[in-house]
Amino acid sequence: MNFTLSQVATLLGGSVEGNPDATVCRLAKIEEGSEGSLSFLANPKYTHYLYTTAATAVIVANGFVPEQPLHCSLIRVADPYVAFASLLKKFNQLQLDKHGVSPAAFIEDDATVPPDCYVGPAAYIGHNVVVGHNVKIYPQVYVGDNCRIADGSTLFAGAKLYSYTQVGCNCIIHAGAVLGADGFGFAPKPDGSYEKIDQIGAVVLEDDVEIGANTCIDRATMGTTVIHRGAKLDNLCQIAHNVVVGSHTVMAAQSGVAGSSKVGSHCVVAGQVGIVGHIEVGDSVTIGAQSGVTRSVDSNTVILGSPAIEAHRQRRLYVHQFHLDKLVARIDALEKQLASKG
């Protein structure tokens, strides 16, 4: 879609300096701008690109004063970064504004799907599924029997919801995520083989949760695996059976939580963190990248390392590790001195 600069300025509460009737149809970085694109300048390090960019217009701060001639129009706003972020959001909403059910989708007769939803080709919606309003289900999504998906949620291509999974309002589940697969439960037998423990629980996502691509959240053995309101999980995370992740906790890629552990609210879990099973991590805990959490953690703590300990202690240990060879040499020298005196 094309928009005039005057329309964009009105949307952002800004003003146009240049041609208000010029049109833009896409967003671009200032160094990659081309005719028809709209960019922004928020970081002074990128100012030099303003004088060479081929973008039709650039969003700048109200007080910005060019030092060289410009080949583009300007849209002046109070905060260019915030303004551009709002445009990104609106642009994304336009791209994802899909409606209607594809004739190539398959929906069981007893499922409930309102007419304002989008269901893409090759999507499957099972028996007794209830889908809320304005839900978007992209191609090749599988929604198993008895699932519930509340208003405004989006399931991107290839996401899989096993039976009895519940998804709250305004959730985003990215491509390839699997919710509700069996938890990893096996009982060892005397002959060295394993007996599978059937997993009959469910997965519950509360409102405003985002699940990254290829992340897996296992169903509970009994009861529920719960991701509370506002939590954000990155790509390639593993949440095991009966885990609880607290509200507004964020977890970066390749992190995993073993069975029956509880992670509190407002926690920050960096990449490749492993949390063992049957422990509790308190609220507002920060866990550094590649940490191994082997015990319960008090609230308002920053931990690091494997096994993870308080970050300030771990940093001191790191410093000492780099000097271990020197310490060993000093001890050897002292032992030789003592031996020679003996």
Protein backbone atom coordinates (compact mmCIF):
# COMPACT_ATOMS: atom_id res chain seq x y z
CA MET A 1 0.00 0.00 0.00
CA ASN A 2 1.11 3.55 -0.71
CA PHE A 3 0.92 6.34 1.85
CA THR A 4 1.64 10.03 1.40
CA LEU A 5 4.10 11.68 3.73
CA SER A 6 1.33 13.88 5.05
CA GLN A 7 -0.63 10.74 6.02
CA VAL A 8 2.40 9.29 7.77
CA ALA A 9 3.08 12.57 9.58
CA THR A 10 -0.53 12.74 10.77
CA LEU A 11 -0.30 9.17 12.03
CA LEU A 12 2.88 9.98 13.97
CA GLY A 13 1.86 13.43 15.16
CA GLY A 14 4.74 14.98 13.21
CA SER A 15 5.30 17.46 10.40
CA VAL A 16 6.63 17.15 6.85
CA GLU A 17 9.63 19.08 5.61
CA GLY A 18 9.69 18.58 1.86
CA ASN A 19 7.00 17.15 -0.44
CA PRO A 20 3.93 16.16 1.61
CA ASP A 21 2.41 14.40 -1.42
CA ALA A 22 5.36 12.08 -1.98
CA THR A 23 4.41 8.44 -1.39
CA VAL A 24 6.10 5.58 0.45
CA CYS A 25 5.22 1.90 0.37
CA ARG A 26 7.87 0.20 2.53
CA LEU A 27 10.19 0.68 5.49
CA ALA A 28 13.97 0.42 5.24
CA LYS A 29 17.21 1.05 7.08
CA ILE A 30 18.63 4.45 6.24
CA GLU A 31 21.76 2.99 4.61
CA GLU A 32 19.60 0.73 2.42
CA GLY A 33 16.91 3.23 1.50
CA SER A 34 15.54 3.39 -2.02
CA GLU A 35 12.84 5.31 -3.83
CA GLY A 36 9.49 4.66 -2.18
CA SER A 37 10.99 3.71 1.18
CA LEU A 38 10.70 5.42 4.55
CA SER A 39 13.55 5.31 7.08
CA PHE A 40 14.51 6.96 10.36
CA LEU A 41 17.48 8.58 12.04
CA ALA A 42 17.79 8.15 15.80
CA ASN A 43 21.48 7.33 16.36
CA PRO A 44 23.94 10.17 15.53
CA LYS A 45 26.41 7.55 14.23
CA TYR A 46 24.16 7.11 11.20
CA THR A 47 23.77 10.80 10.38
CA HIS A 48 26.16 10.62 7.41
CA TYR A 49 23.79 8.20 5.66
CA LEU A 50 21.11 10.90 5.63
CA TYR A 51 23.01 12.86 2.99
CA THR A 52 23.40 9.90 0.64
CA THR A 53 20.29 7.80 1.23
CA ALA A 54 17.95 7.17 -1.68
CA ALA A 55 14.96 6.87 0.66
CA THR A 56 12.00 9.06 -0.21
CA ALA A 57 11.72 10.29 3.37
CA VAL A 58 13.47 9.96 6.71
CA ILE A 59 11.98 10.40 10.18
CA VAL A 60 14.12 12.72 12.31
CA ALA A 61 13.86 14.52 15.63
CA ASN A 62 12.19 17.91 15.78
CA GLY A 63 15.43 19.63 16.69
CA PHE A 64 17.63 17.99 14.05
CA VAL A 65 19.57 20.49 11.89
CA PRO A 66 21.05 19.14 8.60
CA GLU A 67 24.63 20.15 7.86
CA GLN A 68 24.54 19.24 4.16
CA PRO A 69 21.97 19.37 1.34
CA LEU A 70 19.34 16.60 1.44
CA HIS A 71 17.89 14.51 -1.37
CA CYS A 72 14.95 13.28 0.71
CA SER A 73 12.03 14.75 2.58
CA LEU A 74 11.95 14.76 6.38
CA ILE A 75 9.21 13.87 8.82
CA ARG A 76 9.93 15.59 12.11
CA VAL A 77 8.70 13.96 15.33
CA ALA A 78 9.48 14.11 19.04
CA ASP A 79 11.21 10.69 19.14
CA PRO A 80 12.22 9.08 15.82
CA TYR A 81 12.94 5.67 17.35
CA VAL A 82 9.54 5.41 19.04
CA ALA A 83 7.83 6.72 15.92
CA PHE A 84 9.51 4.18 13.66
CA ALA A 85 8.76 1.38 16.12
CA SER A 86 5.07 2.26 15.96
CA LEU A 87 5.24 2.19 12.16
CA LEU A 88 6.88 -1.25 12.24
CA LYS A 89 4.04 -2.50 14.41
CA LYS A 90 1.37 -1.06 12.11
CA PHE A 91 3.16 -2.36 9.00
CA ASN A 92 3.37 -5.83 10.52
CA GLN A 93 -0.32 -5.72 11.40
CA LEU A 94 -1.16 -4.87 7.79
CA GLN A 95 0.95 -7.76 6.53
CA LEU A 96 -0.70 -10.20 8.92
CA ASP A 97 -4.24 -8.91 8.41
CA LYS A 98 -5.64 -12.13 6.97
CA HIS A 99 -9.21 -13.38 7.12
CA GLY A 100 -11.26 -16.24 5.77
CA VAL A 101 -11.02 -20.01 5.73
CA SER A 102 -9.12 -21.63 2.90
CA PRO A 103 -11.05 -24.36 1.04
CA ALA A 104 -7.87 -26.42 1.45
CA ALA A 105 -8.15 -26.34 5.26
CA PHE A 106 -9.91 -29.15 7.13
CA ILE A 107 -12.12 -28.29 10.09
CA GLU A 108 -14.07 -30.97 11.93
CA ASP A 109 -17.82 -30.41 12.03
CA ASP A 110 -17.99 -30.01 15.80
CA ALA A 111 -15.21 -27.38 15.97
CA THR A 112 -16.12 -23.73 16.54
CA VAL A 113 -14.36 -21.22 14.28
CA PRO A 114 -15.82 -17.67 14.04
CA PRO A 115 -16.09 -16.10 10.58
CA ASP A 116 -13.57 -13.34 11.41
CA CYS A 117 -10.73 -15.87 11.75
CA TYR A 118 -8.10 -16.84 9.22
CA VAL A 119 -7.39 -20.52 8.56
CA GLY A 120 -4.76 -21.20 5.90
CA PRO A 121 -4.35 -24.07 3.44
CA ALA A 122 -3.59 -27.53 4.85
CA ALA A 123 -4.41 -26.44 8.40
CA TYR A 124 -6.29 -28.99 10.49
CA ILE A 125 -8.66 -28.17 13.36
CA GLY A 126 -9.81 -31.18 15.34
CA HIS A 127 -12.94 -32.31 17.15
CA ASN A 128 -14.48 -30.06 19.81
CA VAL A 129 -11.90 -27.29 19.26
CA VAL A 130 -13.06 -23.80 20.23
CA VAL A 131 -11.36 -20.89 18.45
CA GLY A 132 -11.91 -17.29 19.55
CA HIS A 133 -12.42 -14.17 17.45
CA ASN A 134 -9.73 -12.78 15.14
CA VAL A 135 -7.51 -15.81 15.54
CA LYS A 136 -5.05 -16.48 12.70
CA ILE A 137 -4.11 -20.07 11.93
CA TYR A 138 -1.52 -20.25 9.17
CA PRO A 139 -0.96 -23.08 6.66
CA GLN A 140 -0.09 -26.55 7.94
CA VAL A 141 -0.98 -25.78 11.55
CA TYR A 142 -2.33 -28.77 13.48
CA VAL A 143 -4.83 -28.12 16.27
CA GLY A 144 -5.70 -31.35 18.06
CA ASP A 145 -9.01 -32.35 19.62
CA ASN A 146 -10.44 -30.35 22.53
CA CYS A 147 -7.97 -27.46 22.21
CA ARG A 148 -8.96 -23.90 23.11
CA ILE A 149 -7.52 -20.82 21.39
CA ALA A 150 -8.69 -17.46 22.76
CA ASP A 151 -9.28 -14.17 20.92
CA GLY A 152 -6.55 -12.50 18.89
CA SER A 153 -3.95 -15.27 18.98
CA THR A 154 -1.77 -16.22 16.01
CA LEU A 155 -0.36 -19.65 15.13
CA PHE A 156 2.25 -19.43 12.38
CA ALA A 157 2.90 -22.06 9.74
CA GLY A 158 3.53 -25.58 10.95
CA ALA A 159 2.81 -25.00 14.64
CA LYS A 160 1.38 -28.07 16.37
CA LEU A 161 -1.06 -28.15 19.28
CA TYR A 162 -1.68 -31.58 20.72
CA SER A 163 -5.07 -32.33 22.25
CA TYR A 164 -6.33 -30.36 25.25
CA THR A 165 -3.81 -27.52 24.80
CA GLN A 166 -5.17 -24.13 25.89
CA VAL A 167 -3.93 -20.86 24.39
CA GLY A 168 -4.93 -17.52 25.90
CA CYS A 169 -5.74 -14.18 24.28
CA ASN A 170 -3.24 -12.40 22.01
CA CYS A 171 -0.65 -15.17 22.10
CA ILE A 172 1.85 -15.71 19.28
CA ILE A 173 3.10 -19.21 18.49
CA HIS A 174 5.80 -19.23 15.84
CA ALA A 175 6.50 -21.74 13.09
CA GLY A 176 7.33 -25.28 14.08
CA ALA A 177 6.56 -24.89 17.79
CA VAL A 178 5.07 -28.00 19.41
CA LEU A 179 2.77 -27.67 22.42
CA GLY A 180 1.50 -30.70 24.26
CA ALA A 181 3.81 -33.51 23.14
CA ASP A 182 4.39 -36.19 25.77
CA GLY A 183 6.57 -35.35 28.71
CA PHE A 184 9.75 -37.42 28.97
CA GLY A 185 8.57 -40.08 31.40
CA PHE A 186 9.93 -43.62 31.49
CA ALA A 187 10.24 -46.12 34.35
CA PRO A 188 13.35 -48.37 34.34
CA LYS A 189 12.61 -52.11 34.36
CA PRO A 190 14.73 -54.92 35.84
CA ASP A 191 15.79 -56.09 32.39
CA GLY A 192 17.30 -52.68 31.58
CA SER A 193 14.48 -51.56 29.30
CA TYR A 194 12.02 -48.73 30.02
CA GLU A 195 8.26 -48.65 30.55
CA LYS A 196 6.60 -45.55 29.14
CA ILE A 197 4.65 -43.50 31.68
CA ASP A 198 1.57 -42.20 29.90
CA GLN A 199 1.27 -38.42 29.95
CA ILE A 200 -2.37 -37.43 30.42
CA GLY A 201 -2.04 -33.77 31.44
CA ALA A 202 -2.19 -30.60 29.33
CA VAL A 203 -0.40 -27.38 28.39
CA VAL A 204 -1.85 -23.99 29.30
CA LEU A 205 -0.66 -20.67 27.89
CA GLU A 206 -2.13 -17.61 29.56
CA ASP A 207 -2.72 -14.30 27.75
CA ASP A 208 -0.01 -12.38 25.85
CA VAL A 209 2.48 -15.25 25.74
CA GLU A 210 4.89 -15.57 22.79
CA ILE A 211 6.49 -18.89 21.86
CA GLY A 212 9.47 -18.93 19.48
CA ALA A 213 10.02 -21.12 16.44
CA ASN A 214 10.70 -24.81 17.10
CA THR A 215 10.22 -24.43 20.84
CA CYS A 216 8.66 -27.43 22.59
CA ILE A 217 6.40 -27.37 25.63
CA ASP A 218 5.53 -30.83 26.93
CA ARG A 219 2.19 -31.82 28.39
CA ALA A 220 2.09 -32.65 32.08
CA THR A 221 2.14 -36.21 33.34
CA MET A 222 -0.96 -35.20 35.29
CA GLY A 223 -2.27 -31.66 35.76
CA THR A 224 -0.81 -28.89 33.59
CA THR A 225 2.37 -27.38 32.27
CA VAL A 226 1.76 -23.63 32.58
CA ILE A 227 3.26 -20.59 30.89
CA HIS A 228 1.84 -17.60 32.74
CA ARG A 229 0.69 -14.27 31.35
CA GLY A 230 3.15 -12.20 29.33
CA ALA A 231 6.01 -14.72 29.31
CA LYS A 232 8.21 -14.76 26.19
CA LEU A 233 10.12 -17.85 25.07
CA ASP A 234 12.68 -17.60 22.28
CA ASN A 235 13.33 -20.14 19.53
CA LEU A 236 14.50 -23.67 20.36
CA CYS A 237 13.60 -23.70 24.04
CA GLN A 238 12.50 -26.86 25.85
CA ILE A 239 9.91 -26.77 28.62
CA ALA A 240 9.42 -30.18 30.19
CA HIS A 241 6.34 -31.75 31.77
CA ASN A 242 4.71 -30.04 34.76
CA VAL A 243 6.97 -26.98 34.54
CA VAL A 244 5.56 -23.59 35.52
CA VAL A 245 7.01 -20.42 33.97
CA GLY A 246 5.99 -17.22 35.75
CA SER A 247 4.39 -14.12 34.29
CA HIS A 248 6.55 -11.78 32.18
CA THR A 249 9.57 -14.05 32.37
CA VAL A 250 11.76 -14.07 29.25
CA MET A 251 13.85 -17.01 28.12
CA ALA A 252 16.45 -16.86 25.34
CA ALA A 253 17.20 -19.52 22.73
CA GLN A 254 18.37 -23.05 23.52
CA SER A 255 17.41 -22.84 27.17
CA GLY A 256 15.62 -25.69 28.87
CA VAL A 257 13.74 -26.40 32.07
CA ALA A 258 13.51 -29.99 33.31
CA GLY A 259 10.39 -31.58 34.70
CA SER A 260 8.36 -30.15 37.59
CA SER A 261 10.56 -27.09 38.12
CA LYS A 262 9.04 -23.68 38.72
CA VAL A 263 10.47 -20.44 37.34
CA GLY A 264 9.15 -17.25 38.93
CA SER A 265 7.80 -14.06 37.39
CA HIS A 266 9.89 -11.30 35.77
CA CYS A 267 12.92 -13.57 35.43
CA VAL A 268 15.53 -13.20 32.67
CA VAL A 269 16.95 -16.49 31.43
CA ALA A 270 19.78 -15.98 28.95
CA GLY A 271 20.71 -18.33 26.11
CA GLN A 272 21.65 -21.99 26.62
CA VAL A 273 20.69 -22.06 30.28
CA GLY A 274 19.81 -25.45 31.74
CA ILE A 275 17.57 -25.72 34.81
CA VAL A 276 17.36 -29.12 36.50
CA GLY A 277 14.08 -30.68 37.56
CA HIS A 278 12.13 -30.32 40.80
CA ILE A 279 13.58 -26.98 41.91
CA GLU A 280 12.16 -23.46 42.27
CA VAL A 281 13.62 -20.27 40.82
CA GLY A 282 12.24 -17.19 42.59
CA ASP A 283 10.88 -13.98 41.12
CA SER A 284 13.07 -11.40 39.34
CA VAL A 285 16.03 -13.75 38.98
CA THR A 286 18.59 -13.17 36.22
CA ILE A 287 20.49 -16.22 34.93
CA GLY A 288 23.57 -15.64 32.77
CA ALA A 289 24.14 -17.41 29.47
CA GLN A 290 25.19 -21.09 29.51
CA SER A 291 24.53 -21.41 33.21
CA GLY A 292 23.57 -24.71 34.78
CA VAL A 293 21.06 -24.21 37.60
CA THR A 294 21.25 -27.20 39.95
CA ARG A 295 19.48 -25.90 43.06
CA SER A 296 16.62 -23.63 44.02
CA VAL A 297 17.30 -19.89 43.70
CA ASP A 298 16.03 -17.06 45.91
CA SER A 299 14.18 -14.12 44.39
CA ASN A 300 16.03 -10.99 43.22
CA THR A 301 19.26 -12.89 42.57
CA VAL A 302 21.73 -12.73 39.68
CA ILE A 303 23.48 -16.05 39.06
CA LEU A 304 26.05 -17.28 36.58
CA GLY A 305 28.14 -20.33 35.73
CA SER A 306 27.80 -24.09 35.95
CA PRO A 307 26.90 -24.92 38.59
CA ALA A 308 25.33 -21.47 38.80
CA ILE A 309 26.22 -19.34 41.81
CA GLU A 310 25.93 -15.64 42.64
CA ALA A 311 27.32 -13.70 39.70
CA HIS A 312 29.79 -11.61 41.73
CA ARG A 313 31.35 -14.78 43.18
CA GLN A 314 31.47 -16.48 39.80
CA ARG A 315 33.22 -13.50 38.20
CA ARG A 316 35.93 -13.61 40.89
CA LEU A 317 36.36 -17.32 40.23
CA TYR A 318 36.72 -16.65 36.51
CA VAL A 319 39.54 -14.20 37.24
CA HIS A 320 41.31 -16.73 39.46
CA GLN A 321 40.96 -19.47 36.84
CA PHE A 322 42.95 -17.42 34.36
CA HIS A 323 45.84 -17.29 36.86
CA LEU A 324 45.80 -20.91 38.03
CA ASP A 325 49.00 -21.76 36.13
CA LYS A 326 50.82 -18.93 37.90
CA LEU A 327 49.47 -20.01 41.28
CA VAL A 328 50.56 -23.61 40.64
CA ALA A 329 54.04 -22.39 39.66
CA ARG A 330 54.29 -20.33 42.87
CA ILE A 331 53.23 -23.30 45.00
CA ASP A 332 55.74 -25.57 43.27
CA ALA A 333 58.46 -23.01 43.90
CA LEU A 334 57.48 -22.69 47.57
CA GLU A 335 57.44 -26.47 48.01
CA LYS A 336 60.92 -26.74 46.51
CA GLN A 337 62.17 -24.01 48.88
CA LEU A 338 60.67 -25.79 51.87
CA ALA A 339 62.12 -29.10 50.73
CA SER A 340 65.60 -27.62 50.32
CA LYS A 341 65.45 -26.17 53.84
CA GLY A 342 64.28 -29.47 55.27
